[in-house]
N, C-alpha and C. Protein backbone atom coordinates (compact mmCIF):
# COMPACT_ATOMS: atom_id res chain seq x y z
N UNK A 1 119.03 106.67 120.55
CA UNK A 1 117.99 106.22 121.40
C UNK A 1 118.49 104.59 121.46
N UNK A 2 119.00 103.78 120.68
CA UNK A 2 119.70 102.64 120.42
C UNK A 2 121.13 102.33 120.74
N UNK A 3 121.44 101.51 121.47
CA UNK A 3 123.05 100.96 121.76
C UNK A 3 123.84 101.03 120.12
N UNK A 4 124.62 101.53 120.09
CA UNK A 4 125.45 101.60 118.83
C UNK A 4 124.81 102.33 117.84
N UNK A 5 123.72 102.85 117.60
CA UNK A 5 123.08 103.57 116.79
C UNK A 5 123.06 102.96 115.66
N UNK A 6 122.28 101.65 115.45
CA UNK A 6 122.51 100.63 114.07
C UNK A 6 121.72 101.23 113.15
N UNK A 7 121.81 100.92 111.92
CA UNK A 7 121.16 101.41 110.60
C UNK A 7 119.89 100.55 110.59
N UNK A 8 120.06 99.47 111.00
CA UNK A 8 119.07 98.19 110.67
C UNK A 8 118.67 97.61 112.06
N UNK A 9 117.50 97.41 112.31
CA UNK A 9 116.78 96.76 113.63
C UNK A 9 116.10 95.75 113.33
N UNK A 10 116.10 94.42 113.40
CA UNK A 10 115.44 93.43 113.30
C UNK A 10 114.85 93.07 114.41
N UNK A 11 113.36 92.75 114.60
CA UNK A 11 112.66 92.29 115.68
C UNK A 11 111.68 91.24 115.28
N UNK A 12 111.95 90.28 115.97
CA UNK A 12 110.82 88.94 115.76
C UNK A 12 110.01 88.91 117.16
N UNK A 13 108.75 88.89 116.65
CA UNK A 13 107.61 88.89 117.72
C UNK A 13 107.89 89.63 118.83
N UNK A 14 108.17 91.02 118.62
CA UNK A 14 108.29 91.86 119.93
C UNK A 14 106.98 92.20 120.82
N UNK A 15 106.23 91.79 120.43
CA UNK A 15 104.92 91.96 121.56
C UNK A 15 104.36 90.61 122.04
N UNK A 16 105.10 89.59 121.66
CA UNK A 16 104.30 88.13 122.12
C UNK A 16 104.36 88.25 123.67
N UNK A 17 103.51 88.05 124.29
CA UNK A 17 103.22 87.90 125.57
C UNK A 17 103.15 89.30 126.19
N UNK A 18 102.88 90.26 125.45
CA UNK A 18 102.61 91.76 126.28
C UNK A 18 101.17 92.04 126.38
N UNK A 19 101.10 92.96 127.10
CA UNK A 19 99.43 93.35 127.75
C UNK A 19 99.20 94.18 126.38
N UNK A 20 97.89 94.70 126.24
CA UNK A 20 97.49 95.80 125.23
C UNK A 20 98.33 96.78 125.53
N UNK A 21 98.31 97.39 126.82
CA UNK A 21 99.11 98.46 127.49
C UNK A 21 100.71 98.50 126.92
N UNK A 22 101.31 97.53 127.06
CA UNK A 22 102.56 97.12 126.63
C UNK A 22 102.84 97.14 125.18
N UNK A 23 102.18 96.73 124.38
CA UNK A 23 102.03 96.78 123.20
C UNK A 23 101.75 98.18 122.72
N UNK A 24 100.99 98.75 122.97
CA UNK A 24 100.76 100.41 122.75
C UNK A 24 102.21 100.99 122.89
N UNK A 25 102.67 100.83 124.06
CA UNK A 25 104.16 101.72 124.36
C UNK A 25 105.04 101.19 123.11
N UNK A 26 105.27 99.79 122.99
CA UNK A 26 106.16 99.14 122.03
C UNK A 26 105.94 100.06 120.88
N UNK A 27 104.72 100.22 120.33
CA UNK A 27 104.15 100.81 119.12
C UNK A 27 104.73 102.29 119.11
N UNK A 28 104.40 103.03 120.18
CA UNK A 28 105.15 104.19 120.50
C UNK A 28 106.33 104.58 120.14
N UNK A 29 107.08 103.35 120.97
CA UNK A 29 108.69 103.22 120.45
C UNK A 29 109.09 103.42 119.12
N UNK A 30 108.43 102.32 118.72
CA UNK A 30 108.82 101.72 117.19
C UNK A 30 108.37 103.22 116.46
N UNK A 31 107.41 104.08 116.56
CA UNK A 31 107.12 105.08 115.66
C UNK A 31 107.83 106.01 115.87
N UNK A 32 108.64 106.09 117.04
CA UNK A 32 109.52 107.27 117.39
C UNK A 32 111.10 106.90 116.52
N UNK A 33 111.39 105.71 116.61
CA UNK A 33 112.43 105.21 115.85
C UNK A 33 112.63 105.31 114.20
N UNK A 34 111.16 105.43 113.70
CA UNK A 34 111.32 105.71 112.38
C UNK A 34 112.12 107.02 111.77
N UNK A 35 112.48 106.83 110.66
CA UNK A 35 113.31 107.66 110.04
C UNK A 35 114.86 107.80 110.48
N UNK A 36 114.89 107.34 111.83
CA UNK A 36 116.25 107.11 112.39
C UNK A 36 117.03 105.79 111.98
N UNK A 37 116.23 104.90 111.85
CA UNK A 37 116.63 103.30 111.88
C UNK A 37 115.68 102.83 111.04
N UNK A 38 116.20 101.78 109.95
CA UNK A 38 115.23 100.82 109.09
C UNK A 38 114.97 99.71 110.06
N UNK A 39 113.34 99.48 110.11
CA UNK A 39 112.98 98.48 111.05
C UNK A 39 112.43 97.38 110.32
N UNK A 40 112.70 96.15 110.70
CA UNK A 40 112.05 94.76 110.04
C UNK A 40 111.60 94.28 111.07
N UNK A 41 110.31 94.02 111.30
CA UNK A 41 109.42 93.27 112.37
C UNK A 41 108.65 92.25 111.80
N UNK A 42 108.95 91.10 112.29
CA UNK A 42 107.97 90.05 111.93
C UNK A 42 107.20 89.67 113.45
N UNK A 43 106.09 89.96 112.97
CA UNK A 43 104.76 89.87 113.73
C UNK A 43 103.57 89.24 113.32
N UNK A 44 103.01 88.80 114.25
CA UNK A 44 101.40 88.16 114.07
C UNK A 44 100.20 88.88 114.41
N UNK A 45 100.62 90.31 115.17
CA UNK A 45 99.77 90.91 115.98
C UNK A 45 99.29 91.89 114.90
N UNK A 46 98.55 92.15 114.21
CA UNK A 46 98.14 93.02 112.88
C UNK A 46 97.76 94.31 113.27
N UNK A 47 97.15 94.41 114.26
CA UNK A 47 96.80 95.75 115.01
C UNK A 47 97.78 96.26 115.35
N UNK A 48 99.06 95.61 115.78
CA UNK A 48 100.48 96.33 116.02
C UNK A 48 100.92 96.74 114.97
N UNK A 49 101.07 95.77 113.97
CA UNK A 49 101.48 95.82 112.53
C UNK A 49 100.86 97.16 112.12
N UNK A 50 99.77 97.34 112.03
CA UNK A 50 99.13 98.33 111.22
C UNK A 50 99.38 99.86 111.97
N UNK A 51 99.75 100.06 113.44
CA UNK A 51 100.20 100.96 114.04
C UNK A 51 101.39 101.51 113.60
N UNK A 52 102.27 100.48 113.16
CA UNK A 52 103.90 100.74 113.02
C UNK A 52 104.13 100.96 111.47
N UNK A 53 103.57 100.25 110.71
CA UNK A 53 104.17 99.84 109.41
C UNK A 53 103.49 100.98 108.55
N UNK A 54 104.51 101.20 107.38
CA UNK A 54 104.49 101.79 106.19
C UNK A 54 103.85 100.91 104.91
N UNK A 55 104.92 99.54 105.21
CA UNK A 55 104.71 98.60 103.92
C UNK A 55 104.87 97.21 104.70
N UNK A 56 103.98 96.49 104.38
CA UNK A 56 103.79 95.39 104.93
C UNK A 56 104.35 94.10 103.65
N UNK A 57 105.06 93.16 104.29
CA UNK A 57 105.69 92.12 103.21
C UNK A 57 104.92 91.10 103.79
N UNK A 58 104.02 90.39 103.37
CA UNK A 58 103.34 89.07 103.46
C UNK A 58 104.18 87.94 102.88
N UNK A 59 104.90 87.09 103.78
CA UNK A 59 105.60 85.86 103.23
C UNK A 59 104.85 84.56 103.67
N UNK A 60 104.95 83.56 103.00
CA UNK A 60 104.09 82.39 102.57
C UNK A 60 105.36 81.31 102.21
N UNK A 61 105.24 80.32 102.83
CA UNK A 61 106.48 79.19 102.58
C UNK A 61 107.52 79.74 101.86
N UNK A 62 108.12 80.82 102.50
CA UNK A 62 109.60 80.99 102.12
C UNK A 62 109.38 81.98 101.00
N UNK A 63 108.37 82.76 100.53
CA UNK A 63 108.08 83.42 99.21
C UNK A 63 107.24 84.66 99.58
N UNK A 64 107.43 85.75 98.81
CA UNK A 64 106.54 87.04 99.15
C UNK A 64 105.26 86.74 98.35
N UNK A 65 104.36 86.98 99.21
CA UNK A 65 102.80 86.52 98.72
C UNK A 65 102.35 88.01 98.37
N UNK A 66 102.59 88.89 99.27
CA UNK A 66 101.88 90.23 98.90
C UNK A 66 102.41 91.46 99.68
N UNK A 67 102.82 92.58 99.11
CA UNK A 67 103.32 93.66 99.70
C UNK A 67 102.61 94.85 99.32
N UNK A 68 102.63 95.82 100.05
CA UNK A 68 101.88 97.08 100.10
C UNK A 68 101.35 97.56 101.49
N UNK A 69 100.15 98.46 101.64
CA UNK A 69 99.66 99.11 102.69
C UNK A 69 99.10 98.02 103.40
N UNK A 70 98.66 98.22 104.73
CA UNK A 70 97.81 97.30 105.60
C UNK A 70 96.51 96.89 104.70
N UNK A 71 95.89 98.04 104.26
CA UNK A 71 94.55 97.70 103.39
C UNK A 71 94.82 96.79 102.25
N UNK A 72 96.12 97.36 101.59
CA UNK A 72 96.06 96.46 100.36
C UNK A 72 96.22 95.01 100.72
N UNK A 73 97.22 94.82 101.49
CA UNK A 73 97.60 93.23 101.85
C UNK A 73 96.40 92.62 102.43
N UNK A 74 95.54 93.26 103.15
CA UNK A 74 94.52 92.33 104.22
C UNK A 74 93.17 92.24 102.96
N UNK A 75 93.27 93.13 101.82
CA UNK A 75 92.37 92.52 100.61
C UNK A 75 92.58 91.60 99.63
N UNK A 76 94.14 91.25 99.55
CA UNK A 76 94.53 90.39 98.67
C UNK A 76 94.05 89.05 98.97
N UNK A 77 93.36 88.69 97.78
CA UNK A 77 92.65 87.42 97.91
C UNK A 77 93.84 86.07 98.37
N UNK A 78 94.88 86.17 97.77
CA UNK A 78 96.17 85.45 98.19
C UNK A 78 96.26 85.05 99.63
N UNK A 79 96.66 86.38 99.93
CA UNK A 79 96.91 86.37 101.92
C UNK A 79 95.78 85.77 102.19
N UNK A 80 94.35 86.35 102.01
CA UNK A 80 93.14 86.00 102.86
C UNK A 80 93.17 83.98 102.67
N UNK A 81 93.35 83.60 101.52
CA UNK A 81 93.32 82.14 101.22
C UNK A 81 94.55 81.47 102.10
N UNK A 82 95.54 82.04 102.14
CA UNK A 82 96.72 81.67 102.87
C UNK A 82 96.79 81.41 104.27
N UNK A 83 96.18 82.44 104.88
CA UNK A 83 96.04 82.72 106.25
C UNK A 83 94.81 82.56 106.87
N UNK A 84 93.65 82.13 106.07
CA UNK A 84 92.26 82.57 106.43
C UNK A 84 91.60 81.28 105.92
N UNK A 85 91.75 80.74 104.62
CA UNK A 85 91.42 79.68 103.84
C UNK A 85 91.62 78.24 104.78
N UNK A 86 91.01 77.20 103.87
CA UNK A 86 91.69 75.87 104.20
C UNK A 86 92.51 75.40 103.24
N UNK A 87 93.82 75.05 103.61
CA UNK A 87 94.76 74.39 102.74
C UNK A 87 95.63 75.20 102.50
N UNK A 88 95.61 76.53 102.38
CA UNK A 88 96.81 77.64 101.77
C UNK A 88 96.81 77.40 100.59
N UNK A 89 97.76 77.89 99.81
CA UNK A 89 97.80 77.97 98.47
C UNK A 89 98.79 76.80 97.77
N UNK A 90 98.21 76.77 96.54
CA UNK A 90 98.81 75.68 95.71
C UNK A 90 99.84 76.40 94.71
N UNK A 91 101.03 76.22 94.99
CA UNK A 91 102.24 76.69 93.99
C UNK A 91 102.41 76.01 92.73
N UNK A 92 101.43 75.18 92.51
CA UNK A 92 101.88 74.01 91.10
C UNK A 92 101.79 75.09 90.19
């Protein structure tokens, strides 16, 4: 399905600027690629991420902050503080 059949596909913000319908179609495409390719997606649209991801890794200031299912990372207090809190995380 992809040119040259890569083992690894890296995507940076693939749904940026897309309509909701385009985002759904992109999610369907990514789901079809599962099992055929390793997909690494950098994305801030968490609805899209929930639709396509089995494992989510949250990065903060160049470090892995949390990893797991969408439910696990969304409940992680460190993730909530870093992305929803005021001032982020103190690594001291």
